[in-house]
Protein backbone atom coordinates (compact mmCIF):
# COMPACT_ATOMS: atom_id res chain seq x y z
CA UNK A 1 4.18 28.82 84.59
CA UNK A 2 4.54 32.65 84.38
CA UNK A 3 2.25 34.39 81.81
CA UNK A 4 4.61 35.36 79.10
CA UNK A 5 2.10 37.76 77.58
CA UNK A 6 2.98 40.13 80.41
CA UNK A 7 6.66 40.03 79.65
CA UNK A 8 7.35 41.23 76.06
CA UNK A 9 11.01 41.79 75.16
CA UNK A 10 11.98 45.38 76.07
CA UNK A 11 15.36 47.01 76.07
CA UNK A 12 17.08 50.25 77.03
CA UNK A 13 20.61 50.54 75.64
CA UNK A 14 23.09 53.47 75.76
CA UNK A 15 26.69 53.90 74.69
CA UNK A 16 29.01 56.20 76.65
CA UNK A 17 31.25 58.09 74.19
CA UNK A 18 33.87 59.84 76.36
CA UNK A 19 37.45 58.51 76.67
CA UNK A 20 38.88 61.07 79.04
CA UNK A 21 38.43 59.15 82.31
CA UNK A 22 41.37 57.01 83.49
CA UNK A 23 40.37 55.73 86.93
CA UNK A 24 37.00 54.59 85.68
CA UNK A 25 35.30 54.77 82.34
CA UNK A 26 31.85 53.56 81.16
CA UNK A 27 31.39 52.01 77.78
CA UNK A 28 27.71 50.95 77.52
CA UNK A 29 24.86 50.27 79.88
CA UNK A 30 21.27 49.19 79.71
CA UNK A 31 18.20 47.34 80.94
CA UNK A 32 16.29 44.47 79.27
CA UNK A 33 13.33 42.28 79.82
CA UNK A 34 14.61 39.39 77.76
CA UNK A 35 12.48 37.07 75.57
CA UNK A 36 11.99 33.40 76.74
CA UNK A 37 15.12 31.34 75.95
CA UNK A 38 17.08 34.43 74.89
CA UNK A 39 20.77 33.63 74.44
CA UNK A 40 23.90 35.69 73.78
CA UNK A 41 27.29 34.30 72.81
CA UNK A 42 29.73 32.75 72.65
CA UNK A 43 31.46 36.15 72.80
CA UNK A 44 34.44 37.94 74.33
CA UNK A 45 34.35 41.51 75.67
CA UNK A 46 37.01 44.13 75.68
CA UNK A 47 36.00 45.50 79.10
CA UNK A 48 34.36 44.30 82.29
CA UNK A 49 30.65 43.65 81.96
CA UNK A 50 28.40 43.21 85.01
CA UNK A 51 24.70 42.13 84.90
CA UNK A 52 22.40 42.38 87.92
CA UNK A 53 19.33 40.18 87.67
CA UNK A 54 16.10 41.93 88.77
CA UNK A 55 13.77 39.03 88.04
CA UNK A 56 13.69 35.69 86.32
CA UNK A 57 16.27 32.91 85.87
CA UNK A 58 18.95 32.02 83.45
CA UNK A 59 22.44 30.45 83.09
CA UNK A 60 25.98 31.86 82.58
CA UNK A 61 28.30 29.52 80.71
CA UNK A 62 31.96 30.29 81.48
CA UNK A 63 35.14 28.45 82.49
CA UNK A 64 33.60 25.21 81.09
CA UNK A 65 30.87 25.44 83.78
CA UNK A 66 27.23 26.46 83.96
CA UNK A 67 26.32 28.97 86.66
CA UNK A 68 22.54 29.36 87.42
CA UNK A 69 21.74 33.05 87.96
CA UNK A 70 18.40 34.20 89.36
CA UNK A 71 16.84 37.37 90.82
CA UNK A 72 19.04 39.10 93.46
CA UNK A 73 22.29 37.74 91.88
CA UNK A 74 24.55 39.02 89.18
CA UNK A 75 27.36 37.80 86.90
CA UNK A 76 30.64 39.30 85.74
CA UNK A 77 32.34 38.88 82.36
CA UNK A 78 36.03 39.92 82.30
CA UNK A 79 37.98 41.21 79.30
CA UNK A 80 38.94 38.50 76.87
CA UNK A 81 36.77 35.86 78.52
CA UNK A 82 34.55 33.85 76.11
CA UNK A 83 31.12 33.38 77.63
CA UNK A 84 27.53 32.54 76.68
CA UNK A 85 24.52 33.42 78.78
CA UNK A 86 20.86 32.73 78.36
CA UNK A 87 17.48 33.24 79.89
CA UNK A 88 15.14 30.57 81.08
CA UNK A 89 12.40 29.58 78.63
CA UNK A 90 9.67 29.74 81.23
CA UNK A 91 10.90 32.55 83.56
CA UNK A 92 13.23 34.79 81.49
CA UNK A 93 15.50 37.42 82.91
CA UNK A 94 14.90 41.00 83.57
CA UNK A 95 18.31 42.55 84.18
CA UNK A 96 20.38 45.73 84.06
CA UNK A 97 24.04 45.91 83.08
CA UNK A 98 27.14 48.17 82.98
CA UNK A 99 30.21 47.69 80.87
CA UNK A 100 33.22 49.51 82.43
CA UNK A 101 36.94 49.56 82.84
CA UNK A 102 39.75 51.63 84.34
CA UNK A 103 42.30 51.70 87.11
CA UNK A 104 39.71 51.30 89.91
CA UNK A 105 37.71 48.59 88.17
CA UNK A 106 40.07 45.69 89.01
CA UNK A 107 40.57 46.87 92.60
CA UNK A 108 36.76 47.19 93.22
CA UNK A 109 35.94 43.81 91.72
CA UNK A 110 38.62 42.18 93.92
CA UNK A 111 37.13 43.79 96.98
CA UNK A 112 33.67 42.63 95.93
CA UNK A 113 35.07 39.09 95.69
CA UNK A 114 34.08 38.48 92.07
CA UNK A 115 36.37 37.67 89.12
CA UNK A 116 36.58 35.78 85.84
CA UNK A 117 37.12 32.54 87.84
CA UNK A 118 34.42 33.42 90.38
CA UNK A 119 31.91 35.32 88.30
CA UNK A 120 28.69 35.09 90.36
CA UNK A 121 27.68 38.01 92.63
CA UNK A 122 25.31 37.42 95.53
CA UNK A 123 23.80 40.29 97.49
CA UNK A 124 24.38 40.05 101.25
CA UNK A 125 20.72 41.15 101.78
CA UNK A 126 17.73 41.95 99.64
CA UNK A 127 18.02 45.60 100.56
CA UNK A 128 21.69 45.71 99.63
CA UNK A 129 20.84 44.17 96.28
CA UNK A 130 18.09 46.78 95.68
CA UNK A 131 20.52 49.62 96.33
CA UNK A 132 22.90 48.22 93.72
CA UNK A 133 20.02 47.74 91.30
CA UNK A 134 18.82 51.33 91.89
CA UNK A 135 22.27 52.78 91.23
CA UNK A 136 22.64 50.81 87.97
CA UNK A 137 19.16 51.88 86.75
CA UNK A 138 19.92 55.45 87.69
CA UNK A 139 22.83 55.37 85.16
CA UNK A 140 20.56 53.74 82.58
CA UNK A 141 17.78 56.32 83.03
CA UNK A 142 20.10 59.28 83.07
CA UNK A 143 22.06 58.58 79.81
CA UNK A 144 21.68 62.26 78.75
CA UNK A 145 23.45 63.60 81.80
CA UNK A 146 26.96 65.04 81.53
CA UNK A 147 29.90 62.60 81.29
CA UNK A 148 31.20 63.77 84.66
CA UNK A 149 27.80 63.16 86.27
CA UNK A 150 27.65 59.67 84.88
CA UNK A 151 31.25 58.83 85.89
CA UNK A 152 30.39 60.02 89.42
CA UNK A 153 27.53 57.49 89.47
CA UNK A 154 29.85 54.88 87.98
CA UNK A 155 31.92 55.24 91.12
CA UNK A 156 28.79 54.94 93.22
CA UNK A 157 27.91 51.76 91.33
CA UNK A 158 31.40 50.34 92.12
CA UNK A 159 30.94 51.30 95.75
CA UNK A 160 27.48 49.66 95.92
CA UNK A 161 28.88 46.60 94.26
CA UNK A 162 31.58 46.20 96.93
CA UNK A 163 29.42 47.13 99.87
CA UNK A 164 26.51 44.91 98.88
CA UNK A 165 28.46 41.77 97.99
CA UNK A 166 28.13 38.74 100.17
CA UNK A 167 31.67 37.84 99.07
CA UNK A 168 33.15 41.18 100.03
CA UNK A 169 36.76 41.13 101.10
CA UNK A 170 38.07 43.57 103.70
CA UNK A 171 40.66 46.10 102.64
CA UNK A 172 43.75 44.17 103.63
CA UNK A 173 47.43 44.28 104.04
CA UNK A 174 48.03 46.26 100.89
CA UNK A 175 48.66 49.65 102.42
CA UNK A 176 52.38 49.64 101.42
CA UNK A 177 51.47 48.26 97.99
CA UNK A 178 48.93 51.09 97.55
CA UNK A 179 51.72 53.58 98.30
CA UNK A 180 53.90 52.06 95.58
CA UNK A 181 51.11 52.17 93.09
CA UNK A 182 50.20 55.71 93.93
CA UNK A 183 53.86 56.76 93.42
CA UNK A 184 53.96 54.88 90.05
CA UNK A 185 50.72 56.38 88.72
CA UNK A 186 51.73 59.91 89.73
CA UNK A 187 55.10 59.40 88.00
CA UNK A 188 53.37 58.18 84.81
CA UNK A 189 50.92 61.14 84.85
CA UNK A 190 53.77 63.61 85.12
CA UNK A 191 56.15 61.90 82.63
CA UNK A 192 54.10 60.11 80.00
CA UNK A 193 55.11 62.75 77.38
CA UNK A 194 58.71 61.40 77.29
CA UNK A 195 60.21 58.01 76.63
CA UNK A 196 60.02 56.76 80.19
CA UNK A 197 60.97 53.19 80.91
CA UNK A 198 59.40 50.64 83.24
CA UNK A 199 62.81 50.30 85.04
CA UNK A 200 62.68 54.11 85.69
CA UNK A 201 59.17 53.86 87.14
CA UNK A 202 60.23 50.90 89.32
CA UNK A 203 63.26 52.83 90.55
CA UNK A 204 61.04 55.74 91.64
CA UNK A 205 59.20 53.29 93.85
CA UNK A 206 62.43 51.77 95.17
CA UNK A 207 61.55 48.34 93.70
CA UNK A 208 63.29 46.03 91.18
CA UNK A 209 61.44 45.72 87.87
CA UNK A 210 60.31 42.14 88.41
CA UNK A 211 58.65 42.77 91.82
CA UNK A 212 57.25 46.08 90.70
CA UNK A 213 55.57 44.46 87.72
CA UNK A 214 54.02 41.84 90.00
CA UNK A 215 52.70 44.35 92.45
CA UNK A 216 51.41 46.64 89.71
CA UNK A 217 49.51 43.87 87.99
CA UNK A 218 47.93 42.64 91.22
CA UNK A 219 46.66 46.13 91.99
CA UNK A 220 45.76 47.44 88.50
CA UNK A 221 44.89 44.29 86.58
CA UNK A 222 47.42 44.85 83.78
CA UNK A 223 51.15 45.21 83.31
CA UNK A 224 52.90 48.57 83.71
CA UNK A 225 53.64 48.52 79.97
CA UNK A 226 49.97 47.99 79.06
CA UNK A 227 48.78 50.69 81.51
CA UNK A 228 51.36 53.22 80.20
CA UNK A 229 50.18 52.52 76.64
CA UNK A 230 46.51 52.87 77.53
CA UNK A 231 47.23 56.10 79.48
CA UNK A 232 49.08 57.65 76.56
CA UNK A 233 46.34 56.64 74.10
CA UNK A 234 43.64 58.06 76.36
CA UNK A 235 45.53 61.37 76.46
CA UNK A 236 45.95 61.25 72.70
CA UNK A 237 42.25 60.66 72.28
CA UNK A 238 41.54 63.63 74.50
CA UNK A 239 43.84 65.86 72.37
CA UNK A 240 42.28 64.65 69.14
CA UNK A 241 38.77 65.63 70.37
CA UNK A 242 39.60 68.93 72.15
CA UNK A 243 42.38 70.51 70.07
CA UNK A 244 43.32 71.28 66.48
CA UNK A 245 46.87 70.02 66.89
CA UNK A 246 48.26 67.89 64.02
CA UNK A 247 48.41 64.14 64.50
CA UNK A 248 52.18 64.36 64.39
CA UNK A 249 52.19 66.91 67.18
CA UNK A 250 49.81 64.85 69.26
CA UNK A 251 52.12 61.80 68.62
CA UNK A 252 55.06 63.77 70.03
CA UNK A 253 53.03 64.91 73.06
CA UNK A 254 52.50 61.27 74.06
CA UNK A 255 56.18 60.32 73.40
CA UNK A 256 56.03 59.03 69.84
CA UNK A 257 58.59 60.52 67.48
CA UNK A 258 57.31 58.32 64.70
CA UNK A 259 53.78 59.19 63.65
CA UNK A 260 53.30 55.85 61.91
CA UNK A 261 54.15 53.91 65.10
CA UNK A 262 51.76 56.22 67.00
CA UNK A 263 48.96 55.52 64.55
CA UNK A 264 49.41 51.81 64.82
CA UNK A 265 49.37 51.92 68.63
CA UNK A 266 46.32 54.16 68.68
CA UNK A 267 44.37 51.85 66.33
CA UNK A 268 45.33 48.81 68.38
CA UNK A 269 43.79 50.44 71.49
CA UNK A 270 40.78 52.36 69.97
CA UNK A 271 40.05 50.24 66.90
CA UNK A 272 40.32 53.17 64.47
CA UNK A 273 43.07 55.47 63.20
CA UNK A 274 43.71 58.82 64.91
CA UNK A 275 42.21 60.62 61.85
CA UNK A 276 39.04 58.51 61.94
CA UNK A 277 38.74 58.98 65.68
CA UNK A 278 38.98 62.74 65.36
CA UNK A 279 36.37 62.82 62.61
CA UNK A 280 33.95 60.96 64.76
CA UNK A 281 34.63 62.72 68.07
CA UNK A 282 35.85 66.26 67.50
CA UNK A 283 34.17 68.76 69.83
CA UNK A 284 32.84 71.87 68.19
CA UNK A 285 33.54 75.23 69.91
CA UNK A 286 30.98 75.92 72.62
CA UNK A 287 29.77 72.31 72.85
CA UNK A 288 30.56 69.88 75.71
């Protein structure tokens, strides 16, 4: 039996507080040497959460199944999925984790071959797993770096995850689909300030609404309506932090003529009202 006196519970935990990034955003990340028989859950997350196990053993409980997870493996929790996970009582986990989301998240996880229904990651080789581990720990150990620096390493984390996975799927027949999605995203970026409809976005891509919605969800992981809402609310959050515009003016800049409707939509996405968000996040002149 391992000597537990050499493995006291230790934790590094950091929250990423910048909402400006659309393709990929980080929410929290950390490292922990868990206590024997440590358990977390049942709980549902709002974003993707990936743990890589450095040492020890434990179990993920999801989809009415138990998945053993040991060193060199990892496990994924997807938004809205209720899970419980716990460390072994004799050989507890040491792991590192990243919580993330964004346009490129779903695509990368699909390429890595992991999902809510297939949550276990296996490294294709010990060296590949170490490279992924090193990238995750880099993020954890550089929490004071600039947001752009951390997001850059977030992309490197996704790349390591895909490249190192034993279940990696080759980029496939989706070249035409990718063209449609690029057209749609460009149109949203250029027109989110007005009352654009999903039918209009589909027409720009030359597709009917039903097929466009199916293609978009497969590529992005959410419906066009949900993505458009999240995009607008991310832009609104940026304006709340970086400008002194009134909340009514910000509402109009993201296509809401009714400030009350905007405030409700913003709170549904960010969990607080626009006024509360601004109070907590406003950037002072001369500060990053």
